[in-house]
C-alpha cells in the first residue's frame, strides 16, 4: 500500500487518457483536477472504522464499493461540474451534455485505481485486499510489489501520474490540431 500521495498519483495515472477522449483541453483539466481526489475515497473506511464490522481494506476496498461510489456520487459530481463550469470556457458544451457520465468516471476510475494500488502491496502491517468480494471470498492476486507505505513507490506513482498527464496534455494538443485540419 502506498501513502496518500501515491494513491493520488495512481488516480492521476488512470485518469490521464482523458486528455485524449475529452474534446477540450480545459474540460480535460477540470475533469482530471477534480477526479483524482477520489483516489482516496476507499480510505473512508479509516474514518468509519469505529463502526462495527468496518475495517481498513474491507468492503470499501472492493470493486463493488467503487461501483456504488460511482453510481451515487458520480451523478452528483456531474451535476456540480455542469452547474459550476457549464457555460464557461472550462466545460465544453459536449461535456455539459455528458456531465453525468463524466462524473461517474471521475469517481469510479480513481476509486478502482486506489484498490489496484493497494493490491500491489505486501501486507506487512495490513490485511490483504479482497477486491472481488462478495463474489470471491479472499484475495484474488498476490502481487507484493510494494512495501507498505513505501516512500519511493509513493513519490514514484505521484511523479508518474503527473508525467502521464503532462504527456497526454501535449499529445492532445497535437491531436486537437489534427482534428481541426481534417475536412468535415
C-alpha atoms as a PDB file:
ATOM      1  CA  UNK A   1       0.000   0.000   0.000  1.00  0.00           C
ATOM      2  CA  UNK A   2       1.272   3.402  -0.869  1.00  0.00           C
ATOM      3  CA  UNK A   3       0.639   6.529   1.120  1.00  0.00           C
ATOM      4  CA  UNK A   4      -1.817   9.321   0.236  1.00  0.00           C
ATOM      5  CA  UNK A   5       0.339  10.916  -2.450  1.00  0.00           C
ATOM      6  CA  UNK A   6       0.814   7.540  -4.146  1.00  0.00           C
ATOM      7  CA  UNK A   7      -2.928   6.928  -4.269  1.00  0.00           C
ATOM      8  CA  UNK A   8      -3.468  10.366  -5.751  1.00  0.00           C
ATOM      9  CA  UNK A   9      -0.712   9.603  -8.265  1.00  0.00           C
ATOM     10  CA  UNK A  10      -2.379   6.333  -9.233  1.00  0.00           C
ATOM     11  CA  UNK A  11      -5.639   8.242  -9.708  1.00  0.00           C
ATOM     12  CA  UNK A  12      -3.816  10.737 -11.943  1.00  0.00           C
ATOM     13  CA  UNK A  13      -2.277   7.877 -13.900  1.00  0.00           C
ATOM     14  CA  UNK A  14      -5.624   6.175 -14.524  1.00  0.00           C
ATOM     15  CA  UNK A  15      -7.296   9.470 -15.482  1.00  0.00           C
ATOM     16  CA  UNK A  16      -4.506  10.597 -17.849  1.00  0.00           C
ATOM     17  CA  UNK A  17      -6.132   9.124 -21.009  1.00  0.00           C
ATOM     18  CA  UNK A  18      -8.975  11.615 -20.508  1.00  0.00           C
ATOM     19  CA  UNK A  19      -6.822  14.165 -22.346  1.00  0.00           C
ATOM     20  CA  UNK A  20      -7.296  12.048 -25.449  1.00  0.00           C
ATOM     21  CA  UNK A  21     -11.013  11.340 -25.075  1.00  0.00           C
ATOM     22  CA  UNK A  22     -12.325  14.715 -23.897  1.00  0.00           C
ATOM     23  CA  UNK A  23     -12.852  17.194 -26.713  1.00  0.00           C
ATOM     24  CA  UNK A  24     -11.427  20.284 -24.988  1.00  0.00           C
ATOM     25  CA  UNK A  25      -8.178  20.600 -23.039  1.00  0.00           C
ATOM     26  CA  UNK A  26      -9.660  22.904 -20.401  1.00  0.00           C
ATOM     27  CA  UNK A  27     -12.506  20.458 -19.817  1.00  0.00           C
ATOM     28  CA  UNK A  28      -9.979  17.626 -19.510  1.00  0.00           C
ATOM     29  CA  UNK A  29      -8.032  19.711 -16.973  1.00  0.00           C
ATOM     30  CA  UNK A  30     -11.184  20.218 -14.884  1.00  0.00           C
ATOM     31  CA  UNK A  31     -12.070  16.512 -15.180  1.00  0.00           C
ATOM     32  CA  UNK A  32      -8.618  15.291 -14.090  1.00  0.00           C
ATOM     33  CA  UNK A  33      -8.207  18.041 -11.490  1.00  0.00           C
ATOM     34  CA  UNK A  34     -11.495  17.178  -9.816  1.00  0.00           C
ATOM     35  CA  UNK A  35     -11.394  13.420 -10.361  1.00  0.00           C
ATOM     36  CA  UNK A  36      -8.004  12.449  -8.995  1.00  0.00           C
ATOM     37  CA  UNK A  37      -9.040  13.415  -5.457  1.00  0.00           C
ATOM     38  CA  UNK A  38     -11.469  10.495  -5.487  1.00  0.00           C
ATOM     39  CA  UNK A  39      -8.405   8.262  -5.468  1.00  0.00           C
ATOM     40  CA  UNK A  40      -8.609   8.495  -1.676  1.00  0.00           C
ATOM     41  CA  UNK A  41     -12.292   7.541  -1.449  1.00  0.00           C
ATOM     42  CA  UNK A  42     -11.816   3.865  -0.428  1.00  0.00           C
ATOM     43  CA  UNK A  43      -9.909   5.037   2.644  1.00  0.00           C
ATOM     44  CA  UNK A  44     -13.172   6.362   4.041  1.00  0.00           C
ATOM     45  CA  UNK A  45     -13.058   3.088   5.980  1.00  0.00           C
ATOM     46  CA  UNK A  46     -10.336   4.617   8.171  1.00  0.00           C
ATOM     47  CA  UNK A  47     -12.842   7.266   9.288  1.00  0.00           C
ATOM     48  CA  UNK A  48     -15.693   4.767   9.648  1.00  0.00           C
ATOM     49  CA  UNK A  49     -13.663   2.032  11.386  1.00  0.00           C
ATOM     50  CA  UNK A  50     -15.255   2.861  14.743  1.00  0.00           C
ATOM     51  CA  UNK A  51     -18.460   1.239  13.439  1.00  0.00           C
ATOM     52  CA  UNK A  52     -18.941  -2.486  13.961  1.00  0.00           C
ATOM     53  CA  UNK A  53     -17.676  -4.617  11.053  1.00  0.00           C
ATOM     54  CA  UNK A  54     -15.827  -1.874   9.178  1.00  0.00           C
ATOM     55  CA  UNK A  55     -12.058  -2.236   8.927  1.00  0.00           C
ATOM     56  CA  UNK A  56      -9.322  -0.953   6.672  1.00  0.00           C
ATOM     57  CA  UNK A  57      -9.085  -2.926   3.415  1.00  0.00           C
ATOM     58  CA  UNK A  58     -12.570  -4.280   3.999  1.00  0.00           C
ATOM     59  CA  UNK A  59     -15.731  -3.678   1.991  1.00  0.00           C
ATOM     60  CA  UNK A  60     -14.715  -0.154   0.887  1.00  0.00           C
ATOM     61  CA  UNK A  61     -11.667  -1.588  -0.895  1.00  0.00           C
ATOM     62  CA  UNK A  62     -13.675  -3.616  -3.398  1.00  0.00           C
ATOM     63  CA  UNK A  63     -14.797  -3.234  -6.998  1.00  0.00           C
ATOM     64  CA  UNK A  64     -18.370  -3.298  -5.692  1.00  0.00           C
ATOM     65  CA  UNK A  65     -17.714  -0.274  -3.458  1.00  0.00           C
ATOM     66  CA  UNK A  66     -16.089   1.625  -6.339  1.00  0.00           C
ATOM     67  CA  UNK A  67     -19.152   0.944  -8.497  1.00  0.00           C
ATOM     68  CA  UNK A  68     -21.516   2.028  -5.709  1.00  0.00           C
ATOM     69  CA  UNK A  69     -19.459   5.188  -5.071  1.00  0.00           C
ATOM     70  CA  UNK A  70     -19.531   5.968  -8.792  1.00  0.00           C
ATOM     71  CA  UNK A  71     -23.269   5.281  -9.086  1.00  0.00           C
ATOM     72  CA  UNK A  72     -24.164   7.508  -6.125  1.00  0.00           C
ATOM     73  CA  UNK A  73     -21.535  10.253  -6.138  1.00  0.00           C
ATOM     74  CA  UNK A  74     -20.861  10.340  -9.891  1.00  0.00           C
ATOM     75  CA  UNK A  75     -24.169  11.886 -10.983  1.00  0.00           C
ATOM     76  CA  UNK A  76     -23.903  14.404  -8.143  1.00  0.00           C
ATOM     77  CA  UNK A  77     -20.393  15.340  -9.257  1.00  0.00           C
ATOM     78  CA  UNK A  78     -21.529  15.583 -12.881  1.00  0.00           C
ATOM     79  CA  UNK A  79     -24.383  17.873 -11.885  1.00  0.00           C
ATOM     80  CA  UNK A  80     -21.991  20.037  -9.840  1.00  0.00           C
ATOM     81  CA  UNK A  81     -19.484  20.257 -12.699  1.00  0.00           C
ATOM     82  CA  UNK A  82     -22.229  21.257 -15.116  1.00  0.00           C
ATOM     83  CA  UNK A  83     -23.666  23.746 -12.634  1.00  0.00           C
ATOM     84  CA  UNK A  84     -20.308  25.321 -11.721  1.00  0.00           C
ATOM     85  CA  UNK A  85     -18.475  25.164 -15.048  1.00  0.00           C
ATOM     86  CA  UNK A  86     -21.234  24.760 -17.655  1.00  0.00           C
ATOM     87  CA  UNK A  87     -21.479  27.779 -19.888  1.00  0.00           C
ATOM     88  CA  UNK A  88     -17.862  28.749 -19.191  1.00  0.00           C
ATOM     89  CA  UNK A  89     -14.767  28.115 -21.265  1.00  0.00           C
ATOM     90  CA  UNK A  90     -13.754  25.452 -18.714  1.00  0.00           C
ATOM     91  CA  UNK A  91     -16.519  22.987 -19.559  1.00  0.00           C
ATOM     92  CA  UNK A  92     -17.371  22.366 -23.194  1.00  0.00           C
ATOM     93  CA  UNK A  93     -20.942  22.065 -24.437  1.00  0.00           C
ATOM     94  CA  UNK A  94     -20.372  18.387 -25.225  1.00  0.00           C
ATOM     95  CA  UNK A  95     -19.038  17.762 -21.708  1.00  0.00           C
ATOM     96  CA  UNK A  96     -22.080  19.505 -20.228  1.00  0.00           C
ATOM     97  CA  UNK A  97     -24.295  17.179 -22.290  1.00  0.00           C
ATOM     98  CA  UNK A  98     -22.438  14.173 -20.836  1.00  0.00           C
ATOM     99  CA  UNK A  99     -21.797  15.547 -17.343  1.00  0.00           C
ATOM    100  CA  UNK A 100     -23.331  12.564 -15.550  1.00  0.00           C
ATOM    101  CA  UNK A 101     -21.125  10.083 -17.379  1.00  0.00           C
ATOM    102  CA  UNK A 102     -18.063  12.237 -16.725  1.00  0.00           C
ATOM    103  CA  UNK A 103     -18.958  12.368 -13.033  1.00  0.00           C
ATOM    104  CA  UNK A 104     -19.378   8.607 -12.819  1.00  0.00           C
ATOM    105  CA  UNK A 105     -15.996   8.046 -14.473  1.00  0.00           C
ATOM    106  CA  UNK A 106     -14.312  10.745 -12.357  1.00  0.00           C
ATOM    107  CA  UNK A 107     -15.432   8.991  -9.171  1.00  0.00           C
ATOM    108  CA  UNK A 108     -15.203   5.336 -10.231  1.00  0.00           C
ATOM    109  CA  UNK A 109     -11.865   5.213 -12.031  1.00  0.00           C
ATOM    110  CA  UNK A 110      -9.704   6.733  -9.258  1.00  0.00           C
ATOM    111  CA  UNK A 111     -11.510   4.563  -6.683  1.00  0.00           C
ATOM    112  CA  UNK A 112     -10.581   1.462  -8.688  1.00  0.00           C
ATOM    113  CA  UNK A 113      -7.041   2.828  -9.050  1.00  0.00           C
ATOM    114  CA  UNK A 114      -6.811   3.007  -5.251  1.00  0.00           C
ATOM    115  CA  UNK A 115      -7.876  -0.622  -4.878  1.00  0.00           C
ATOM    116  CA  UNK A 116      -5.352  -1.656  -7.529  1.00  0.00           C
ATOM    117  CA  UNK A 117      -2.543   0.281  -5.819  1.00  0.00           C
ATOM    118  CA  UNK A 118      -3.339  -1.473  -2.553  1.00  0.00           C
ATOM    119  CA  UNK A 119      -3.332  -4.837  -4.347  1.00  0.00           C
ATOM    120  CA  UNK A 120       0.298  -4.192  -5.328  1.00  0.00           C
ATOM    121  CA  UNK A 121       1.370  -4.071  -1.696  1.00  0.00           C
ATOM    122  CA  UNK A 122       2.914  -6.622   0.562  1.00  0.00           C
ATOM    123  CA  UNK A 123       0.647  -6.764   3.621  1.00  0.00           C
ATOM    124  CA  UNK A 124       3.422  -6.473   6.189  1.00  0.00           C
ATOM    125  CA  UNK A 125       1.236  -4.391   8.527  1.00  0.00           C
ATOM    126  CA  UNK A 126      -2.210  -4.555   6.949  1.00  0.00           C
ATOM    127  CA  UNK A 127      -4.748  -7.102   5.754  1.00  0.00           C
ATOM    128  CA  UNK A 128      -4.866  -8.277   2.155  1.00  0.00           C
ATOM    129  CA  UNK A 129      -7.306  -6.705  -0.270  1.00  0.00           C
ATOM    130  CA  UNK A 130     -10.347  -8.742  -1.310  1.00  0.00           C
ATOM    131  CA  UNK A 131     -11.285  -6.746  -4.429  1.00  0.00           C
ATOM    132  CA  UNK A 132     -13.960  -9.085  -5.777  1.00  0.00           C
ATOM    133  CA  UNK A 133     -15.895  -9.514  -2.545  1.00  0.00           C
ATOM    134  CA  UNK A 134     -18.752 -10.681  -2.315  1.00  0.00           C
ATOM    135  CA  UNK A 135     -18.279 -12.781  -5.465  1.00  0.00           C
ATOM    136  CA  UNK A 136     -14.925 -14.181  -4.341  1.00  0.00           C
ATOM    137  CA  UNK A 137     -14.159 -14.560  -0.665  1.00  0.00           C
ATOM    138  CA  UNK A 138     -10.498 -13.747  -0.079  1.00  0.00           C
ATOM    139  CA  UNK A 139      -7.680 -12.197  -2.089  1.00  0.00           C
ATOM    140  CA  UNK A 140      -7.570 -12.983  -5.802  1.00  0.00           C
ATOM    141  CA  UNK A 141      -3.974 -11.998  -6.541  1.00  0.00           C
ATOM    142  CA  UNK A 142      -0.778 -11.811  -4.538  1.00  0.00           C
ATOM    143  CA  UNK A 143       1.397  -9.178  -6.195  1.00  0.00           C
ATOM    144  CA  UNK A 144       3.580  -7.984  -3.310  1.00  0.00           C
ATOM    145  CA  UNK A 145       5.392  -5.459  -5.497  1.00  0.00           C
ATOM    146  CA  UNK A 146       5.486  -2.600  -2.975  1.00  0.00           C
ATOM    147  CA  UNK A 147       6.104  -2.467   0.738  1.00  0.00           C
ATOM    148  CA  UNK A 148       3.553  -0.828   2.994  1.00  0.00           C
ATOM    149  CA  UNK A 149       3.894   2.969   2.837  1.00  0.00           C
ATOM    150  CA  UNK A 150       6.932   2.802   0.588  1.00  0.00           C
ATOM    151  CA  UNK A 151       8.333   6.316   0.232  1.00  0.00           C
ATOM    152  CA  UNK A 152       9.778   5.624  -3.227  1.00  0.00           C
ATOM    153  CA  UNK A 153       6.624   3.969  -4.531  1.00  0.00           C
ATOM    154  CA  UNK A 154       4.512   6.817  -3.192  1.00  0.00           C
ATOM    155  CA  UNK A 155       6.651   9.536  -4.759  1.00  0.00           C
ATOM    156  CA  UNK A 156       7.187   7.450  -7.905  1.00  0.00           C
ATOM    157  CA  UNK A 157       3.467   6.936  -8.514  1.00  0.00           C
ATOM    158  CA  UNK A 158       2.722  10.612  -7.993  1.00  0.00           C
ATOM    159  CA  UNK A 159       5.502  11.708 -10.357  1.00  0.00           C
ATOM    160  CA  UNK A 160       4.423   9.066 -12.889  1.00  0.00           C
ATOM    161  CA  UNK A 161       0.808  10.297 -12.684  1.00  0.00           C
ATOM    162  CA  UNK A 162       1.893  13.899 -13.206  1.00  0.00           C
ATOM    163  CA  UNK A 163       4.212  12.924 -16.075  1.00  0.00           C
ATOM    164  CA  UNK A 164       1.488  10.898 -17.791  1.00  0.00           C
ATOM    165  CA  UNK A 165      -0.887  13.856 -17.607  1.00  0.00           C
ATOM    166  CA  UNK A 166       1.729  16.253 -18.961  1.00  0.00           C
ATOM    167  CA  UNK A 167       2.469  13.832 -21.818  1.00  0.00           C
ATOM    168  CA  UNK A 168      -1.226  13.398 -22.660  1.00  0.00           C
ATOM    169  CA  UNK A 169      -1.725  17.177 -22.382  1.00  0.00           C
ATOM    170  CA  UNK A 170       0.908  17.846 -25.026  1.00  0.00           C
ATOM    171  CA  UNK A 171      -0.224  14.899 -27.132  1.00  0.00           C
ATOM    172  CA  UNK A 172      -3.827  16.142 -27.006  1.00  0.00           C
ATOM    173  CA  UNK A 173      -2.651  19.481 -28.404  1.00  0.00           C
ATOM    174  CA  UNK A 174      -1.258  17.720 -31.458  1.00  0.00           C
ATOM    175  CA  UNK A 175      -4.398  15.594 -31.683  1.00  0.00           C
ATOM    176  CA  UNK A 176      -6.586  18.721 -31.443  1.00  0.00           C
ATOM    177  CA  UNK A 177      -4.569  20.350 -34.224  1.00  0.00           C
ATOM    178  CA  UNK A 178      -5.032  17.327 -36.486  1.00  0.00           C
ATOM    179  CA  UNK A 179      -8.794  17.297 -35.773  1.00  0.00           C
ATOM    180  CA  UNK A 180      -9.059  20.944 -36.815  1.00  0.00           C
ATOM    181  CA  UNK A 181      -7.169  20.419 -40.090  1.00  0.00           C
ATOM    182  CA  UNK A 182      -9.209  17.391 -41.204  1.00  0.00           C
ATOM    183  CA  UNK A 183     -12.046  18.166 -43.606  1.00  0.00           C
ATOM    184  CA  UNK A 184     -15.553  17.615 -42.228  1.00  0.00           C
END
